[in-house]
Protein backbone atom coordinates (compact mmCIF):
# COMPACT_ATOMS: atom_id res chain seq x y z
CA UNK A 1 -16.98 -1.40 44.52
CA UNK A 2 -13.61 -0.30 44.40
CA UNK A 3 -12.28 -3.95 44.14
CA UNK A 4 -9.80 -4.90 41.25
CA UNK A 5 -10.02 -7.66 38.64
CA UNK A 6 -8.60 -11.25 39.90
CA UNK A 7 -5.65 -12.34 37.72
CA UNK A 8 -8.54 -14.91 36.03
CA UNK A 9 -10.99 -12.05 35.07
CA UNK A 10 -7.66 -9.89 33.98
CA UNK A 11 -6.51 -12.47 31.75
CA UNK A 12 -10.42 -13.44 30.47
CA UNK A 13 -10.31 -9.54 29.68
CA UNK A 14 -7.39 -9.70 27.84
CA UNK A 15 -8.44 -12.54 25.74
CA UNK A 16 -11.82 -10.99 24.77
CA UNK A 17 -9.92 -7.78 23.87
CA UNK A 18 -7.67 -10.07 21.69
CA UNK A 19 -10.76 -11.77 20.18
CA UNK A 20 -12.73 -8.75 19.71
CA UNK A 21 -9.69 -7.05 17.41
CA UNK A 22 -9.25 -10.24 15.17
CA UNK A 23 -13.00 -10.05 14.80
CA UNK A 24 -12.96 -6.52 13.96
CA UNK A 25 -10.26 -7.04 11.38
CA UNK A 26 -12.25 -10.17 9.79
CA UNK A 27 -15.39 -7.62 9.61
CA UNK A 28 -12.97 -4.62 7.83
CA UNK A 29 -11.67 -7.36 5.42
CA UNK A 30 -15.18 -8.67 4.65
CA UNK A 31 -16.74 -5.07 4.37
CA UNK A 32 -13.82 -4.49 1.86
CA UNK A 33 -14.66 -7.43 -0.36
CA UNK A 34 -17.97 -7.08 -0.28
CA UNK A 35 -17.45 -3.27 -1.56
CA UNK A 36 -14.87 -4.96 -4.13
CA UNK A 37 -17.52 -7.11 -5.57
CA UNK A 38 -20.12 -4.43 -5.71
CA UNK A 39 -17.86 -2.27 -7.84
CA UNK A 40 -17.20 -5.16 -10.38
CA UNK A 41 -20.57 -6.63 -10.49
CA UNK A 42 -21.63 -3.31 -11.82
CA UNK A 43 -20.57 -4.07 -15.19
CA UNK A 44 -19.26 -0.76 -16.22
CA UNK A 45 -15.88 -1.51 -14.59
CA UNK A 46 -14.85 -4.23 -17.04
CA UNK A 47 -12.25 -3.12 -19.80
CA UNK A 48 -9.45 -5.08 -21.46
CA UNK A 49 -6.12 -5.03 -20.56
CA UNK A 50 -6.64 -4.95 -16.79
CA UNK A 51 -9.42 -1.83 -16.73
CA UNK A 52 -11.20 -3.67 -13.62
CA UNK A 53 -8.59 -3.87 -11.80
CA UNK A 54 -7.61 -0.05 -12.42
CA UNK A 55 -11.22 0.99 -11.56
CA UNK A 56 -11.20 -0.97 -8.14
CA UNK A 57 -7.76 -0.16 -7.19
CA UNK A 58 -8.56 3.73 -7.73
CA UNK A 59 -12.19 3.57 -6.79
CA UNK A 60 -11.39 1.85 -3.33
CA UNK A 61 -7.91 2.83 -2.69
CA UNK A 62 -6.79 -0.70 -2.51
CA UNK A 63 -3.53 -2.66 -4.05
CA UNK A 64 -4.03 -4.96 -7.16
CA UNK A 65 -3.67 -8.02 -4.98
CA UNK A 66 -6.23 -6.94 -2.67
CA UNK A 67 -8.35 -6.32 -5.43
CA UNK A 68 -8.42 -9.86 -5.87
CA UNK A 69 -8.42 -9.60 -9.27
CA UNK A 70 -6.45 -11.77 -11.81
CA UNK A 71 -6.26 -11.48 -15.69
CA UNK A 72 -9.25 -13.07 -17.40
CA UNK A 73 -8.36 -16.69 -18.83
CA UNK A 74 -6.79 -16.38 -22.28
CA UNK A 75 -5.80 -12.61 -21.86
CA UNK A 76 -2.78 -12.51 -23.75
CA UNK A 77 -1.65 -9.88 -21.34
CA UNK A 78 -1.67 -12.56 -18.51
CA UNK A 79 1.77 -13.63 -19.28
CA UNK A 80 1.82 -17.49 -18.13
CA UNK A 81 -1.98 -16.97 -17.29
CA UNK A 82 -1.70 -17.53 -13.68
CA UNK A 83 -3.88 -16.09 -11.52
CA UNK A 84 -2.62 -13.09 -9.19
CA UNK A 85 -4.73 -14.57 -6.43
């Protein structure tokens, strides 16, 4: 023991740490997506004029963009009808 890492081992460790960080971010994003889907799937948060977005944003503390919810097709408040995604 007492021996340090070789250069190759240190580089490999750094690469694995970087990959681990990326995977943790992916898991966090997917977990948040799951929570958003669960919140909207209850059927209780769908309200006219973006009520679902407000419920998800307030309940989960996410931005409208992160909520991933655009206006419903044909919603007169949607402007040009383009999705916010």
